[in-house]
Protein backbone atom coordinates (compact mmCIF):
# COMPACT_ATOMS: atom_id res chain seq x y z
CA MET A 1 68.00 160.59 66.87
CA LEU A 2 67.39 156.98 67.93
CA TYR A 3 67.16 155.88 64.30
CA THR A 4 70.43 157.61 63.40
CA ALA A 5 72.36 156.26 66.39
CA LEU A 6 71.07 152.71 66.03
CA ARG A 7 71.54 152.70 62.27
CA TRP A 8 75.16 153.89 62.51
CA THR A 9 76.01 151.36 65.22
CA CYS A 10 74.28 148.41 63.59
CA SER A 11 75.50 149.31 60.11
CA SER A 12 79.11 149.38 61.24
CA LEU A 13 78.73 146.11 63.14
CA GLY A 14 76.83 144.44 60.31
CA ARG A 15 79.38 145.39 57.69
CA ALA A 16 82.20 144.08 59.88
CA LEU A 17 80.48 140.75 60.57
CA TYR A 18 78.79 140.00 57.26
CA ARG A 19 80.96 141.92 54.78
CA PRO A 20 78.00 142.51 52.46
CA VAL A 21 78.47 143.22 48.79
CA ILE A 22 76.41 146.32 48.02
CA GLU A 23 75.96 147.45 44.42
CA GLY A 24 74.07 150.30 42.82
CA LEU A 25 73.53 152.64 45.79
CA GLU A 26 73.92 155.50 43.34
CA ASN A 27 70.58 154.44 41.81
CA ILE A 28 68.71 155.65 44.91
CA PRO A 29 67.83 159.36 44.54
CA SER A 30 69.38 161.50 47.28
CA SER A 31 66.07 163.26 47.86
CA GLY A 32 62.41 163.00 46.97
CA PRO A 33 60.04 160.02 47.06
CA VAL A 34 61.30 156.62 46.02
CA LEU A 35 59.79 153.16 46.21
CA LEU A 36 62.20 150.28 46.87
CA ALA A 37 60.75 146.98 45.61
CA ALA A 38 62.67 143.95 46.85
CA ASN A 39 62.47 140.19 46.80
CA HIS A 40 61.83 138.65 50.20
CA LEU A 41 63.85 135.73 51.56
CA SER A 42 64.14 136.31 55.29
CA PHE A 43 63.08 138.43 58.24
CA SER A 44 66.60 139.85 58.09
CA ASP A 45 65.76 141.57 54.78
CA SER A 46 64.06 144.32 56.77
CA VAL A 47 67.19 144.71 58.88
CA VAL A 48 69.90 144.71 56.20
CA LEU A 49 68.09 147.13 53.88
CA PRO A 50 67.81 150.02 56.37
CA LEU A 51 71.46 149.47 57.29
CA ALA A 52 72.59 149.55 53.66
CA VAL A 53 70.62 152.55 52.39
CA PRO A 54 71.92 155.99 53.44
CA ARG A 55 68.43 157.53 53.57
CA PRO A 56 65.86 156.84 56.31
CA MET A 57 63.17 154.47 55.08
CA GLN A 58 59.91 152.98 56.20
CA PHE A 59 58.35 149.60 55.61
CA LEU A 60 55.41 147.56 56.82
CA ALA A 61 55.86 144.98 59.58
CA LYS A 62 53.49 142.60 61.31
CA ALA A 63 51.70 144.25 64.22
CA GLU A 64 52.81 141.34 66.41
CA TYR A 65 56.36 142.72 66.45
CA PHE A 66 55.05 145.76 68.34
CA GLU A 67 52.80 143.98 70.80
CA GLY A 68 55.02 141.57 72.72
CA SER A 69 55.38 141.78 76.49
CA GLY A 70 58.38 141.62 78.79
CA VAL A 71 61.99 142.26 77.81
CA LYS A 72 61.69 140.41 74.51
CA GLY A 73 58.67 142.48 73.54
CA ARG A 74 60.39 145.76 74.38
CA VAL A 75 63.50 144.79 72.42
CA SER A 76 61.45 143.77 69.39
CA ARG A 77 59.37 146.95 69.53
CA THR A 78 62.45 149.19 69.86
CA LEU A 79 64.28 147.45 67.03
CA VAL A 80 61.54 147.52 64.43
CA THR A 81 60.47 151.05 65.34
CA SER A 82 64.00 152.43 65.08
CA LEU A 83 64.48 150.72 61.71
CA GLY A 84 61.42 152.52 60.32
CA ALA A 85 58.77 149.81 60.58
CA ILE A 86 55.07 150.69 60.47
CA PRO A 87 52.76 148.20 62.23
CA VAL A 88 50.07 146.64 60.08
CA ARG A 89 47.54 143.83 60.38
CA ARG A 90 47.90 141.22 57.65
CA THR A 91 44.44 139.80 57.30
CA GLY A 92 43.84 141.03 53.74
CA GLY A 93 40.87 143.09 52.56
CA ARG A 94 40.60 146.45 54.32
CA ASP A 95 43.96 145.95 56.06
CA ALA A 96 45.66 145.59 52.67
CA LEU A 97 44.12 148.85 51.48
CA ASN A 98 45.18 150.59 54.68
CA SER A 99 48.73 149.34 54.10
CA LEU A 100 48.80 150.95 50.66
CA ASP A 101 47.49 154.21 52.13
CA LEU A 102 50.34 154.19 54.64
CA GLY A 103 52.85 153.69 51.85
CA LEU A 104 51.33 156.51 49.83
CA SER A 105 51.57 158.88 52.78
CA VAL A 106 55.30 158.15 53.10
CA LEU A 107 55.87 158.76 49.38
CA LYS A 108 53.78 161.93 49.33
CA ASP A 109 55.95 163.26 52.15
CA GLY A 110 59.02 162.69 49.95
CA GLY A 111 60.24 159.61 51.82
CA VAL A 112 61.61 156.18 50.99
CA PHE A 113 59.18 153.30 51.23
CA VAL A 114 60.08 149.60 50.97
CA ILE A 115 57.68 147.00 49.63
CA TYR A 116 57.99 143.27 49.05
CA PRO A 117 55.72 142.60 46.04
CA GLU A 118 55.67 138.85 46.75
CA GLY A 119 53.70 139.61 49.90
CA THR A 120 55.74 137.46 52.27
CA ARG A 121 58.97 135.47 52.44
CA SER A 122 59.69 132.92 49.76
CA PRO A 123 59.37 129.42 51.26
CA ASP A 124 61.81 127.83 48.82
CA GLY A 125 64.08 130.54 47.43
CA ARG A 126 62.14 131.00 44.20
CA LEU A 127 60.78 134.38 43.09
CA TYR A 128 57.00 134.42 43.34
CA LYS A 129 54.57 136.43 41.25
CA GLY A 130 54.26 140.02 42.39
CA ARG A 131 51.05 141.45 43.75
CA THR A 132 49.93 144.74 42.23
CA GLY A 133 50.20 146.91 45.34
CA VAL A 134 53.64 148.01 44.14
CA ALA A 135 52.09 149.25 40.89
CA HIS A 136 49.31 151.06 42.72
CA LEU A 137 51.88 152.93 44.79
CA ALA A 138 54.04 153.76 41.77
CA LEU A 139 51.20 154.87 39.48
CA THR A 140 49.37 156.85 42.16
CA SER A 141 52.39 158.63 43.63
CA GLY A 142 54.50 159.01 40.49
CA ALA A 143 57.56 157.99 42.54
CA PRO A 144 60.36 156.09 40.79
CA VAL A 145 60.69 152.41 41.63
CA VAL A 146 64.16 151.09 42.40
CA PRO A 147 64.23 147.28 42.15
CA VAL A 148 66.28 145.56 44.86
CA GLY A 149 67.83 142.11 44.62
CA LEU A 150 68.76 140.39 47.89
CA THR A 151 70.77 137.18 47.93
CA GLY A 152 72.09 135.22 50.89
CA THR A 153 69.78 136.70 53.53
CA GLU A 154 67.90 133.42 53.78
CA ARG A 155 71.08 131.92 55.24
CA ILE A 156 71.27 134.57 57.97
CA GLN A 157 67.94 133.60 59.44
CA PRO A 158 66.13 130.75 57.66
CA ILE A 159 62.40 130.42 58.21
CA GLY A 160 61.92 128.92 61.66
CA ALA A 161 65.39 129.87 62.96
CA ARG A 162 65.34 131.81 66.23
CA LEU A 163 68.85 133.28 66.08
CA PRO A 164 70.74 134.88 63.18
CA ARG A 165 73.78 133.22 61.65
CA LEU A 166 76.83 134.52 59.82
CA ALA A 167 76.54 134.43 56.03
CA ARG A 168 77.75 136.48 53.08
CA ILE A 169 75.02 138.56 51.47
CA ARG A 170 74.65 140.68 48.37
CA ILE A 171 72.37 143.69 47.95
CA ARG A 172 71.91 145.03 44.41
CA PHE A 173 69.96 148.19 43.57
CA GLY A 174 68.84 148.36 39.95
CA ASP A 175 68.19 151.30 37.68
CA PRO A 176 65.16 153.40 38.70
CA LEU A 177 61.96 152.60 36.81
CA ASP A 178 59.72 155.53 35.87
CA PHE A 179 56.02 154.70 35.54
CA SER A 180 54.75 158.28 35.68
CA PHE A 181 53.63 158.19 32.03
CA GLY A 182 52.74 155.71 29.30
CA TYR A 183 49.94 153.81 31.05
CA ASP A 184 46.99 156.19 30.75
CA HIS A 185 45.58 154.29 27.77
CA LEU A 186 45.27 151.06 29.74
CA LYS A 187 42.53 150.03 32.10
CA ALA A 188 43.62 150.31 35.73
CA GLY A 189 43.89 146.58 36.33
CA ARG A 190 45.91 145.96 33.17
CA ALA A 191 48.23 148.88 33.91
CA ARG A 192 48.92 147.62 37.44
CA ARG A 193 49.65 144.12 36.14
CA GLU A 194 52.07 145.36 33.48
CA VAL A 195 53.92 147.61 35.91
CA THR A 196 54.16 144.85 38.51
CA ASP A 197 55.50 142.37 35.95
CA ARG A 198 58.18 144.86 34.87
CA VAL A 199 59.24 145.37 38.47
CA MET A 200 59.43 141.62 39.12
CA ALA A 201 61.44 141.07 35.92
CA ALA A 202 63.94 143.70 37.10
CA ILE A 203 64.22 141.99 40.50
CA ARG A 204 64.74 138.62 38.79
CA ASP A 205 67.55 140.08 36.69
CA LEU A 206 69.27 141.29 39.86
CA THR A 207 68.95 138.03 41.81
CA GLY A 208 68.97 135.31 39.16
CA GLN A 209 66.19 133.54 41.05
CA GLU A 210 64.04 130.90 39.43
CA GLU A 211 60.53 132.21 38.88
CA ALA A 212 57.76 130.24 40.56
CA GLY A 213 55.14 131.52 38.13
CA VAL A 214 52.46 131.61 40.84
CA TYR A 215 51.59 133.71 43.87
CA ASN A 216 53.21 132.84 47.18
CA PRO A 217 50.65 130.57 48.87
CA ASN A 218 51.65 131.98 52.27
CA SER A 219 50.87 135.58 51.34
CA PRO A 220 48.02 137.10 53.39
CA ALA A 221 46.57 138.48 50.14
CA ALA A 222 46.06 134.88 48.97
């Protein structure tokens, strides 16, 4: 109930203020598991996506957003929880594996799960090499992957900015990618790399971003 009420209110307000251009919503299945794989430019990415997609979704968020004290802490906790965030530690190793298990549980329950294959926000607007967690989720669950291209969100809340700003944004949902067959002949590592590279190429086509060609140095997995 809280999710529905907050989403309707914020979606209406957000559309009025930011007038986002949203393309390809029809590419998101109306039911069943689906993995949304998006580029990552700003904290606001995890706000605009739940407000744009008609289905409830879940995504991973830093545990710190759930642990603050005082009024600010309560507001942060309420916001990220109502938007579908799942708290996770980002220290790599076992925490990374636990994150993938959380994503799999959402998909196995027929839900929508959002992942940022770059691992964290781009520091310079370029598209960084994707990490293979997205492929693990897709190959293990059999869920279709819908690539998502976000542009302009870095102007809403640049890295280091405390308050959001007004800026035009575009959200593009690409054609679903089916990885449920065709990779059995490959070793697991090679299959995950090929699937991840296909997903990142689809995101690049949606955003037009320059490819960095390397992993994001700020990603916890680094």
